[in-house]
Amino acid sequence: MFLSGLWITTGGLVHATWGWRDIGRPIDRSALEPPITATNSAVWHMLTVHLIALGGYLSYLGFLGRAPAPATAQMVLLQLLGYTVIFLAIGLNRFRSVWVLPQWTLTLPAALVLLNAWPHFTAIGAGLITAALLATLGGLHVYWAWGGTWPARGRRALSEFVVGSKEDAPMPPRAATLTVAAGLFGMAVILTGLTWLSGEAPQWYAHLGVAIIALFTIRGLGGFLDPWIRPSIRGTPYEQLNRAVYSPLCLGIACLATLAIYP
């Protein structure tokens, strides 16, 4: 926990110095309306105070060898994971890269170290995070089914991003996309139940959790072989996204689900 707090404090200091110099101050001195630049300045410094105070608090507890209450741990963990998702999503959406906004490299390691600092919290935290990820992916599929196009700029381009179809190929039918969404929501419910039952689940219910782990492990590993299994995806945006985002995400979900079921 001490390392997690130190890492967060470092991020706050970087945000207050180099971040303000390279991003915050240029916006503050731009030709935008004064209320906009003032709001930017206030929010920037509010985030600095938040990061340094949070990091200092966790470092203090880690130095004393104490752990915060589980509710506090969950709140901090969700904040760090939320920051991670925001930076990754905006980076991919605006720049098609996760490295233009590299701040997630500060928040994600801090979250992982924080999660590992409380053995009694690991199973619950991993289960809730996995369920939240699955529910988010399910919601994204519902969004696509009803005409949404993010992270692409149109339905045809979306097919290249998420299916691997060649240019001008349509997206799968709405019914198929909603079926996938329903499956993801169902898996989120199963993992939430396994998390709260904490070893007291019936054997058949626990087997469903094992099936989820197996499914995402196969999908994650198989994704790296996809260009050889489906040569048609070569050269599409899907090929790069599958290697850099989709397959690692599936393997991450499998690992988190394993922590939730077998703490």
C-alpha atoms as a PDB file:
ATOM      1  CA  MET A   1       0.000   0.000   0.000  1.00  0.00           C
ATOM      2  CA  PHE A   2       2.897   2.342   0.724  1.00  0.00           C
ATOM      3  CA  LEU A   3       4.129   1.901  -2.864  1.00  0.00           C
ATOM      4  CA  SER A   4       0.670   2.579  -4.247  1.00  0.00           C
ATOM      5  CA  GLY A   5       0.412   5.796  -2.229  1.00  0.00           C
ATOM      6  CA  LEU A   6       3.899   6.887  -3.261  1.00  0.00           C
ATOM      7  CA  TRP A   7       3.049   6.231  -6.914  1.00  0.00           C
ATOM      8  CA  ILE A   8      -0.163   8.282  -6.688  1.00  0.00           C
ATOM      9  CA  THR A   9       1.657  11.131  -4.935  1.00  0.00           C
ATOM     10  CA  THR A  10       4.273  11.118  -7.692  1.00  0.00           C
ATOM     11  CA  GLY A  11       1.493  11.351 -10.257  1.00  0.00           C
ATOM     12  CA  GLY A  12       0.037  14.341  -8.415  1.00  0.00           C
ATOM     13  CA  LEU A  13       3.394  16.126  -8.377  1.00  0.00           C
ATOM     14  CA  VAL A  14       3.918  15.441 -12.095  1.00  0.00           C
ATOM     15  CA  HIS A  15       0.401  16.735 -12.737  1.00  0.00           C
ATOM     16  CA  ALA A  16       1.146  19.923 -10.771  1.00  0.00           C
ATOM     17  CA  THR A  17       4.486  20.653 -12.461  1.00  0.00           C
ATOM     18  CA  TRP A  18       5.120  19.298 -15.945  1.00  0.00           C
ATOM     19  CA  GLY A  19       1.438  18.709 -16.617  1.00  0.00           C
ATOM     20  CA  TRP A  20       0.495  22.272 -15.718  1.00  0.00           C
ATOM     21  CA  ARG A  21       3.457  23.657 -17.691  1.00  0.00           C
ATOM     22  CA  ASP A  22       2.724  21.704 -20.879  1.00  0.00           C
ATOM     23  CA  ILE A  23      -1.094  21.498 -20.835  1.00  0.00           C
ATOM     24  CA  GLY A  24      -2.805  23.441 -18.056  1.00  0.00           C
ATOM     25  CA  ARG A  25      -0.993  26.773 -18.428  1.00  0.00           C
ATOM     26  CA  PRO A  26      -1.308  26.974 -22.257  1.00  0.00           C
ATOM     27  CA  ILE A  27      -5.064  26.493 -21.899  1.00  0.00           C
ATOM     28  CA  ASP A  28      -5.171  29.044 -19.074  1.00  0.00           C
ATOM     29  CA  ARG A  29      -3.407  31.624 -21.271  1.00  0.00           C
ATOM     30  CA  SER A  30      -5.381  30.850 -24.420  1.00  0.00           C
ATOM     31  CA  ALA A  31      -7.981  33.041 -26.091  1.00  0.00           C
ATOM     32  CA  LEU A  32     -10.870  31.096 -24.578  1.00  0.00           C
ATOM     33  CA  GLU A  33     -13.471  32.937 -22.496  1.00  0.00           C
ATOM     34  CA  PRO A  34     -12.247  33.800 -18.951  1.00  0.00           C
ATOM     35  CA  PRO A  35     -14.842  31.565 -17.200  1.00  0.00           C
ATOM     36  CA  ILE A  36     -13.602  28.604 -19.264  1.00  0.00           C
ATOM     37  CA  THR A  37      -9.919  29.193 -18.494  1.00  0.00           C
ATOM     38  CA  ALA A  38     -10.714  29.824 -14.820  1.00  0.00           C
ATOM     39  CA  THR A  39     -12.671  26.565 -14.620  1.00  0.00           C
ATOM     40  CA  ASN A  40      -9.796  24.731 -16.268  1.00  0.00           C
ATOM     41  CA  SER A  41      -7.374  26.161 -13.697  1.00  0.00           C
ATOM     42  CA  ALA A  42      -9.636  25.293 -10.756  1.00  0.00           C
ATOM     43  CA  VAL A  43     -10.304  21.738 -11.898  1.00  0.00           C
ATOM     44  CA  TRP A  44      -6.627  21.183 -12.662  1.00  0.00           C
ATOM     45  CA  HIS A  45      -5.534  22.206  -9.175  1.00  0.00           C
ATOM     46  CA  MET A  46      -8.437  20.342  -7.548  1.00  0.00           C
ATOM     47  CA  LEU A  47      -7.185  17.143  -9.175  1.00  0.00           C
ATOM     48  CA  THR A  48      -3.642  17.909  -7.982  1.00  0.00           C
ATOM     49  CA  VAL A  49      -4.859  18.252  -4.377  1.00  0.00           C
ATOM     50  CA  HIS A  50      -6.922  15.073  -4.724  1.00  0.00           C
ATOM     51  CA  LEU A  51      -4.015  12.979  -5.996  1.00  0.00           C
ATOM     52  CA  ILE A  52      -1.458  14.255  -3.473  1.00  0.00           C
ATOM     53  CA  ALA A  53      -3.869  13.933  -0.525  1.00  0.00           C
ATOM     54  CA  LEU A  54      -4.936  10.450  -1.581  1.00  0.00           C
ATOM     55  CA  GLY A  55      -1.354   9.318  -2.165  1.00  0.00           C
ATOM     56  CA  GLY A  56      -0.190  10.786   1.120  1.00  0.00           C
ATOM     57  CA  TYR A  57      -3.012   9.080   3.019  1.00  0.00           C
ATOM     58  CA  LEU A  58      -2.265   5.659   1.521  1.00  0.00           C
ATOM     59  CA  SER A  59       1.479   6.069   2.072  1.00  0.00           C
ATOM     60  CA  TYR A  60       0.836   6.993   5.719  1.00  0.00           C
ATOM     61  CA  LEU A  61      -1.337   3.916   6.275  1.00  0.00           C
ATOM     62  CA  GLY A  62       1.186   1.712   4.490  1.00  0.00           C
ATOM     63  CA  PHE A  63       4.023   3.074   6.622  1.00  0.00           C
ATOM     64  CA  LEU A  64       2.039   2.235   9.768  1.00  0.00           C
ATOM     65  CA  GLY A  65       1.141  -1.204   8.416  1.00  0.00           C
ATOM     66  CA  ARG A  66      -2.575  -0.463   8.598  1.00  0.00           C
ATOM     67  CA  ALA A  67      -5.313  -0.964   6.029  1.00  0.00           C
ATOM     68  CA  PRO A  68      -8.254   1.386   5.411  1.00  0.00           C
ATOM     69  CA  ALA A  69     -11.827   0.215   5.757  1.00  0.00           C
ATOM     70  CA  PRO A  70     -13.000  -1.995   2.851  1.00  0.00           C
ATOM     71  CA  ALA A  71     -15.463   0.676   1.721  1.00  0.00           C
ATOM     72  CA  THR A  72     -12.637   3.224   1.492  1.00  0.00           C
ATOM     73  CA  ALA A  73     -10.488   0.736  -0.382  1.00  0.00           C
ATOM     74  CA  GLN A  74     -13.269   0.080  -2.888  1.00  0.00           C
ATOM     75  CA  MET A  75     -13.868   3.798  -3.431  1.00  0.00           C
ATOM     76  CA  VAL A  76     -10.173   4.510  -4.062  1.00  0.00           C
ATOM     77  CA  LEU A  77      -9.824   1.504  -6.348  1.00  0.00           C
ATOM     78  CA  LEU A  78     -12.852   2.499  -8.417  1.00  0.00           C
ATOM     79  CA  GLN A  79     -11.501   6.048  -8.744  1.00  0.00           C
ATOM     80  CA  LEU A  80      -8.155   4.813 -10.053  1.00  0.00           C
ATOM     81  CA  LEU A  81      -9.771   2.359 -12.440  1.00  0.00           C
ATOM     82  CA  GLY A  82     -12.156   5.083 -13.600  1.00  0.00           C
ATOM     83  CA  TYR A  83      -9.231   7.374 -14.411  1.00  0.00           C
ATOM     84  CA  THR A  84      -7.568   4.498 -16.280  1.00  0.00           C
ATOM     85  CA  VAL A  85     -10.653   3.811 -18.395  1.00  0.00           C
ATOM     86  CA  ILE A  86     -11.110   7.522 -19.207  1.00  0.00           C
ATOM     87  CA  PHE A  87      -7.541   7.988 -20.453  1.00  0.00           C
ATOM     88  CA  LEU A  88      -7.571   4.762 -22.452  1.00  0.00           C
ATOM     89  CA  ALA A  89     -10.985   5.443 -24.000  1.00  0.00           C
ATOM     90  CA  ILE A  90     -10.198   9.040 -24.998  1.00  0.00           C
ATOM     91  CA  GLY A  91      -6.766   8.076 -26.313  1.00  0.00           C
ATOM     92  CA  LEU A  92      -8.207   5.324 -28.499  1.00  0.00           C
ATOM     93  CA  ASN A  93     -11.164   7.431 -29.626  1.00  0.00           C
ATOM     94  CA  ARG A  94      -9.243  10.617 -30.471  1.00  0.00           C
ATOM     95  CA  PHE A  95      -5.838   9.319 -31.507  1.00  0.00           C
ATOM     96  CA  ARG A  96      -6.257   5.568 -32.132  1.00  0.00           C
ATOM     97  CA  SER A  97      -3.425   5.051 -29.641  1.00  0.00           C
ATOM     98  CA  VAL A  98      -3.119   4.486 -25.898  1.00  0.00           C
ATOM     99  CA  TRP A  99       0.229   6.304 -25.705  1.00  0.00           C
ATOM    100  CA  VAL A 100      -0.767   9.864 -26.600  1.00  0.00           C
ATOM    101  CA  LEU A 101      -2.422  10.121 -23.155  1.00  0.00           C
ATOM    102  CA  PRO A 102      -0.109   7.916 -21.083  1.00  0.00           C
ATOM    103  CA  GLN A 103      -1.531   8.933 -17.687  1.00  0.00           C
ATOM    104  CA  TRP A 104      -3.119   5.494 -17.368  1.00  0.00           C
ATOM    105  CA  THR A 105       0.385   4.118 -16.821  1.00  0.00           C
ATOM    106  CA  LEU A 106       0.284   5.888 -13.445  1.00  0.00           C
ATOM    107  CA  THR A 107      -3.261   5.036 -12.383  1.00  0.00           C
ATOM    108  CA  LEU A 108      -3.409   1.387 -13.459  1.00  0.00           C
ATOM    109  CA  PRO A 109      -0.256   0.209 -11.613  1.00  0.00           C
ATOM    110  CA  ALA A 110      -1.416   2.100  -8.521  1.00  0.00           C
ATOM    111  CA  ALA A 111      -4.767   0.316  -8.693  1.00  0.00           C
ATOM    112  CA  LEU A 112      -3.132  -3.092  -9.112  1.00  0.00           C
ATOM    113  CA  VAL A 113      -0.720  -2.547  -6.228  1.00  0.00           C
ATOM    114  CA  LEU A 114      -3.604  -1.273  -4.116  1.00  0.00           C
ATOM    115  CA  LEU A 115      -5.688  -4.331  -4.944  1.00  0.00           C
ATOM    116  CA  ASN A 116      -2.862  -6.641  -3.962  1.00  0.00           C
ATOM    117  CA  ALA A 117      -2.359  -4.827  -0.653  1.00  0.00           C
ATOM    118  CA  TRP A 118      -5.534  -6.235   0.913  1.00  0.00           C
ATOM    119  CA  PRO A 119      -5.737 -10.041   0.617  1.00  0.00           C
ATOM    120  CA  HIS A 120      -9.183 -10.025   2.230  1.00  0.00           C
ATOM    121  CA  PHE A 121     -10.376  -7.549  -0.378  1.00  0.00           C
ATOM    122  CA  THR A 122      -8.829  -9.177  -3.434  1.00  0.00           C
ATOM    123  CA  ALA A 123     -11.646 -11.617  -4.222  1.00  0.00           C
ATOM    124  CA  ILE A 124     -14.440  -9.081  -3.779  1.00  0.00           C
ATOM    125  CA  GLY A 125     -12.567  -6.361  -5.659  1.00  0.00           C
ATOM    126  CA  ALA A 126     -11.612  -8.665  -8.530  1.00  0.00           C
ATOM    127  CA  GLY A 127     -15.162  -9.994  -8.805  1.00  0.00           C
ATOM    128  CA  LEU A 128     -16.770  -6.564  -8.819  1.00  0.00           C
ATOM    129  CA  ILE A 129     -14.256  -5.181 -11.307  1.00  0.00           C
ATOM    130  CA  THR A 130     -14.785  -8.151 -13.624  1.00  0.00           C
ATOM    131  CA  ALA A 131     -18.560  -7.842 -13.370  1.00  0.00           C
ATOM    132  CA  ALA A 132     -18.332  -4.109 -14.081  1.00  0.00           C
ATOM    133  CA  LEU A 133     -16.150  -4.743 -17.143  1.00  0.00           C
ATOM    134  CA  LEU A 134     -18.553  -7.364 -18.482  1.00  0.00           C
ATOM    135  CA  ALA A 135     -21.564  -5.124 -17.880  1.00  0.00           C
ATOM    136  CA  THR A 136     -19.784  -2.244 -19.632  1.00  0.00           C
ATOM    137  CA  LEU A 137     -19.015  -4.449 -22.634  1.00  0.00           C
ATOM    138  CA  GLY A 138     -22.619  -5.601 -22.656  1.00  0.00           C
ATOM    139  CA  GLY A 139     -23.818  -1.996 -22.659  1.00  0.00           C
ATOM    140  CA  LEU A 140     -21.442  -1.228 -25.517  1.00  0.00           C
ATOM    141  CA  HIS A 141     -22.975  -4.050 -27.562  1.00  0.00           C
ATOM    142  CA  VAL A 142     -26.467  -2.696 -26.878  1.00  0.00           C
ATOM    143  CA  TYR A 143     -25.233   0.718 -28.038  1.00  0.00           C
ATOM    144  CA  TRP A 144     -23.917  -0.850 -31.255  1.00  0.00           C
ATOM    145  CA  ALA A 145     -27.114  -2.827 -31.783  1.00  0.00           C
ATOM    146  CA  TRP A 146     -29.172   0.373 -31.733  1.00  0.00           C
ATOM    147  CA  GLY A 147     -27.003   2.256 -34.192  1.00  0.00           C
ATOM    148  CA  GLY A 148     -24.044   3.556 -32.174  1.00  0.00           C
ATOM    149  CA  THR A 149     -20.706   3.770 -33.969  1.00  0.00           C
ATOM    150  CA  TRP A 150     -18.047   4.518 -31.309  1.00  0.00           C
ATOM    151  CA  PRO A 151     -15.055   4.049 -31.586  1.00  0.00           C
ATOM    152  CA  ALA A 152     -15.450   4.338 -35.374  1.00  0.00           C
ATOM    153  CA  ARG A 153     -16.998   7.135 -37.416  1.00  0.00           C
ATOM    154  CA  GLY A 154     -19.683   5.114 -39.145  1.00  0.00           C
ATOM    155  CA  ARG A 155     -21.369   1.719 -39.265  1.00  0.00           C
ATOM    156  CA  ARG A 156     -19.175   0.403 -42.066  1.00  0.00           C
ATOM    157  CA  ALA A 157     -16.000   1.520 -40.324  1.00  0.00           C
ATOM    158  CA  LEU A 158     -17.285   0.019 -37.068  1.00  0.00           C
ATOM    159  CA  SER A 159     -17.440  -3.381 -38.731  1.00  0.00           C
ATOM    160  CA  GLU A 160     -13.740  -3.058 -39.567  1.00  0.00           C
ATOM    161  CA  PHE A 161     -12.966  -2.128 -35.945  1.00  0.00           C
ATOM    162  CA  VAL A 162     -14.915  -4.768 -34.010  1.00  0.00           C
ATOM    163  CA  VAL A 163     -15.493  -7.661 -36.440  1.00  0.00           C
ATOM    164  CA  GLY A 164     -12.561  -7.512 -38.823  1.00  0.00           C
ATOM    165  CA  SER A 165     -14.696  -7.209 -41.930  1.00  0.00           C
ATOM    166  CA  LYS A 166     -13.295  -5.648 -45.048  1.00  0.00           C
ATOM    167  CA  GLU A 167     -14.319  -2.157 -46.123  1.00  0.00           C
ATOM    168  CA  ASP A 168     -18.056  -1.631 -46.779  1.00  0.00           C
ATOM    169  CA  ALA A 169     -19.097  -4.881 -45.036  1.00  0.00           C
ATOM    170  CA  PRO A 170     -22.142  -4.413 -42.769  1.00  0.00           C
ATOM    171  CA  MET A 171     -22.240  -5.019 -39.028  1.00  0.00           C
ATOM    172  CA  PRO A 172     -23.746  -8.305 -37.781  1.00  0.00           C
ATOM    173  CA  PRO A 173     -27.563  -8.295 -37.388  1.00  0.00           C
ATOM    174  CA  ARG A 174     -29.045  -6.526 -34.385  1.00  0.00           C
ATOM    175  CA  ALA A 175     -30.314  -9.802 -32.930  1.00  0.00           C
ATOM    176  CA  ALA A 176     -26.803 -11.298 -32.946  1.00  0.00           C
ATOM    177  CA  THR A 177     -25.308  -8.218 -31.257  1.00  0.00           C
ATOM    178  CA  LEU A 178     -28.039  -8.206 -28.588  1.00  0.00           C
ATOM    179  CA  THR A 179     -27.450 -11.921 -27.977  1.00  0.00           C
ATOM    180  CA  VAL A 180     -23.791 -11.195 -27.239  1.00  0.00           C
ATOM    181  CA  ALA A 181     -24.864  -8.328 -24.947  1.00  0.00           C
ATOM    182  CA  ALA A 182     -27.235 -10.626 -23.064  1.00  0.00           C
ATOM    183  CA  GLY A 183     -24.449 -13.163 -22.609  1.00  0.00           C
ATOM    184  CA  LEU A 184     -22.113 -10.517 -21.215  1.00  0.00           C
ATOM    185  CA  PHE A 185     -24.768  -9.215 -18.805  1.00  0.00           C
ATOM    186  CA  GLY A 186     -25.482 -12.782 -17.712  1.00  0.00           C
ATOM    187  CA  MET A 187     -21.805 -13.452 -17.006  1.00  0.00           C
ATOM    188  CA  ALA A 188     -21.619 -10.214 -14.997  1.00  0.00           C
ATOM    189  CA  VAL A 189     -24.535 -11.409 -12.846  1.00  0.00           C
ATOM    190  CA  ILE A 190     -22.932 -14.840 -12.369  1.00  0.00           C
ATOM    191  CA  LEU A 191     -19.602 -13.367 -11.239  1.00  0.00           C
ATOM    192  CA  THR A 192     -21.334 -10.922  -8.900  1.00  0.00           C
ATOM    193  CA  GLY A 193     -23.178 -13.838  -7.311  1.00  0.00           C
ATOM    194  CA  LEU A 194     -20.003 -15.892  -6.967  1.00  0.00           C
ATOM    195  CA  THR A 195     -18.245 -12.929  -5.374  1.00  0.00           C
ATOM    196  CA  TRP A 196     -20.851 -12.402  -2.690  1.00  0.00           C
ATOM    197  CA  LEU A 197     -21.426 -16.109  -2.018  1.00  0.00           C
ATOM    198  CA  SER A 198     -17.667 -16.380  -1.359  1.00  0.00           C
ATOM    199  CA  GLY A 199     -17.149 -20.137  -1.545  1.00  0.00           C
ATOM    200  CA  GLU A 200     -20.703 -21.050  -0.532  1.00  0.00           C
ATOM    201  CA  ALA A 201     -22.063 -21.269  -4.076  1.00  0.00           C
ATOM    202  CA  PRO A 202     -23.516 -24.579  -5.293  1.00  0.00           C
ATOM    203  CA  GLN A 203     -21.093 -26.636  -7.350  1.00  0.00           C
ATOM    204  CA  TRP A 204     -23.052 -26.176 -10.580  1.00  0.00           C
ATOM    205  CA  TYR A 205     -22.965 -22.393 -10.073  1.00  0.00           C
ATOM    206  CA  ALA A 206     -19.203 -22.451  -9.481  1.00  0.00           C
ATOM    207  CA  HIS A 207     -18.837 -24.427 -12.726  1.00  0.00           C
ATOM    208  CA  LEU A 208     -20.404 -21.477 -14.570  1.00  0.00           C
ATOM    209  CA  GLY A 209     -17.600 -19.289 -13.254  1.00  0.00           C
ATOM    210  CA  VAL A 210     -15.003 -21.784 -14.465  1.00  0.00           C
ATOM    211  CA  ALA A 211     -16.667 -21.772 -17.888  1.00  0.00           C
ATOM    212  CA  ILE A 212     -16.374 -17.960 -17.992  1.00  0.00           C
ATOM    213  CA  ILE A 213     -12.660 -18.174 -17.169  1.00  0.00           C
ATOM    214  CA  ALA A 214     -12.138 -20.786 -19.874  1.00  0.00           C
ATOM    215  CA  LEU A 215     -14.118 -18.784 -22.440  1.00  0.00           C
ATOM    216  CA  PHE A 216     -12.122 -15.580 -21.985  1.00  0.00           C
ATOM    217  CA  THR A 217      -8.811 -17.436 -21.779  1.00  0.00           C
ATOM    218  CA  ILE A 218      -9.504 -19.138 -25.108  1.00  0.00           C
ATOM    219  CA  ARG A 219     -10.670 -15.859 -26.650  1.00  0.00           C
ATOM    220  CA  GLY A 220      -7.638 -13.998 -25.334  1.00  0.00           C
ATOM    221  CA  LEU A 221      -5.085 -16.529 -26.527  1.00  0.00           C
ATOM    222  CA  GLY A 222      -6.936 -17.230 -29.754  1.00  0.00           C
ATOM    223  CA  GLY A 223      -6.944 -13.555 -30.618  1.00  0.00           C
ATOM    224  CA  PHE A 224      -3.202 -13.605 -31.146  1.00  0.00           C
ATOM    225  CA  LEU A 225      -3.682 -16.429 -33.678  1.00  0.00           C
ATOM    226  CA  ASP A 226      -6.591 -14.744 -35.441  1.00  0.00           C
ATOM    227  CA  PRO A 227      -4.587 -13.473 -38.453  1.00  0.00           C
ATOM    228  CA  TRP A 228      -3.689 -17.090 -39.254  1.00  0.00           C
ATOM    229  CA  ILE A 229      -7.150 -18.450 -38.464  1.00  0.00           C
ATOM    230  CA  ARG A 230      -8.886 -15.680 -40.418  1.00  0.00           C
ATOM    231  CA  PRO A 231      -6.448 -14.292 -43.000  1.00  0.00           C
ATOM    232  CA  SER A 232      -9.159 -11.901 -44.196  1.00  0.00           C
ATOM    233  CA  ILE A 233      -8.648  -9.647 -41.144  1.00  0.00           C
ATOM    234  CA  ARG A 234      -5.071  -8.839 -42.088  1.00  0.00           C
ATOM    235  CA  GLY A 235      -4.636  -5.150 -42.753  1.00  0.00           C
ATOM    236  CA  THR A 236      -7.866  -4.145 -40.990  1.00  0.00           C
ATOM    237  CA  PRO A 237      -7.995  -1.917 -37.886  1.00  0.00           C
ATOM    238  CA  TYR A 238      -9.402  -4.948 -36.067  1.00  0.00           C
ATOM    239  CA  GLU A 239      -6.112  -6.830 -36.428  1.00  0.00           C
ATOM    240  CA  GLN A 240      -4.169  -4.144 -34.539  1.00  0.00           C
ATOM    241  CA  LEU A 241      -6.911  -3.559 -31.948  1.00  0.00           C
ATOM    242  CA  ASN A 242      -7.283  -7.282 -31.383  1.00  0.00           C
ATOM    243  CA  ARG A 243      -3.598  -7.635 -30.627  1.00  0.00           C
ATOM    244  CA  ALA A 244      -3.276  -4.471 -28.520  1.00  0.00           C
ATOM    245  CA  VAL A 245      -6.660  -4.230 -26.759  1.00  0.00           C
ATOM    246  CA  TYR A 246      -9.221  -7.005 -27.260  1.00  0.00           C
ATOM    247  CA  SER A 247      -7.055 -10.070 -26.548  1.00  0.00           C
ATOM    248  CA  PRO A 248      -5.195  -8.551 -23.551  1.00  0.00           C
ATOM    249  CA  LEU A 249      -8.550  -7.384 -22.174  1.00  0.00           C
ATOM    250  CA  CYS A 250      -9.973 -10.910 -22.434  1.00  0.00           C
ATOM    251  CA  LEU A 251      -6.944 -12.372 -20.678  1.00  0.00           C
ATOM    252  CA  GLY A 252      -7.236  -9.690 -17.994  1.00  0.00           C
ATOM    253  CA  ILE A 253     -10.896 -10.572 -17.439  1.00  0.00           C
ATOM    254  CA  ALA A 254      -9.954 -14.262 -17.158  1.00  0.00           C
ATOM    255  CA  CYS A 255      -7.276 -13.444 -14.558  1.00  0.00           C
ATOM    256  CA  LEU A 256      -9.600 -11.215 -12.526  1.00  0.00           C
ATOM    257  CA  ALA A 257     -12.355 -13.830 -12.632  1.00  0.00           C
ATOM    258  CA  THR A 258      -9.856 -16.421 -11.389  1.00  0.00           C
ATOM    259  CA  LEU A 259      -8.928 -14.161  -8.457  1.00  0.00           C
ATOM    260  CA  ALA A 260     -12.614 -13.713  -7.684  1.00  0.00           C
ATOM    261  CA  ILE A 261     -13.443 -17.423  -7.698  1.00  0.00           C
ATOM    262  CA  TYR A 262     -10.161 -18.827  -6.334  1.00  0.00           C
ATOM    263  CA  PRO A 263      -8.791 -16.124  -3.989  1.00  0.00           C
END
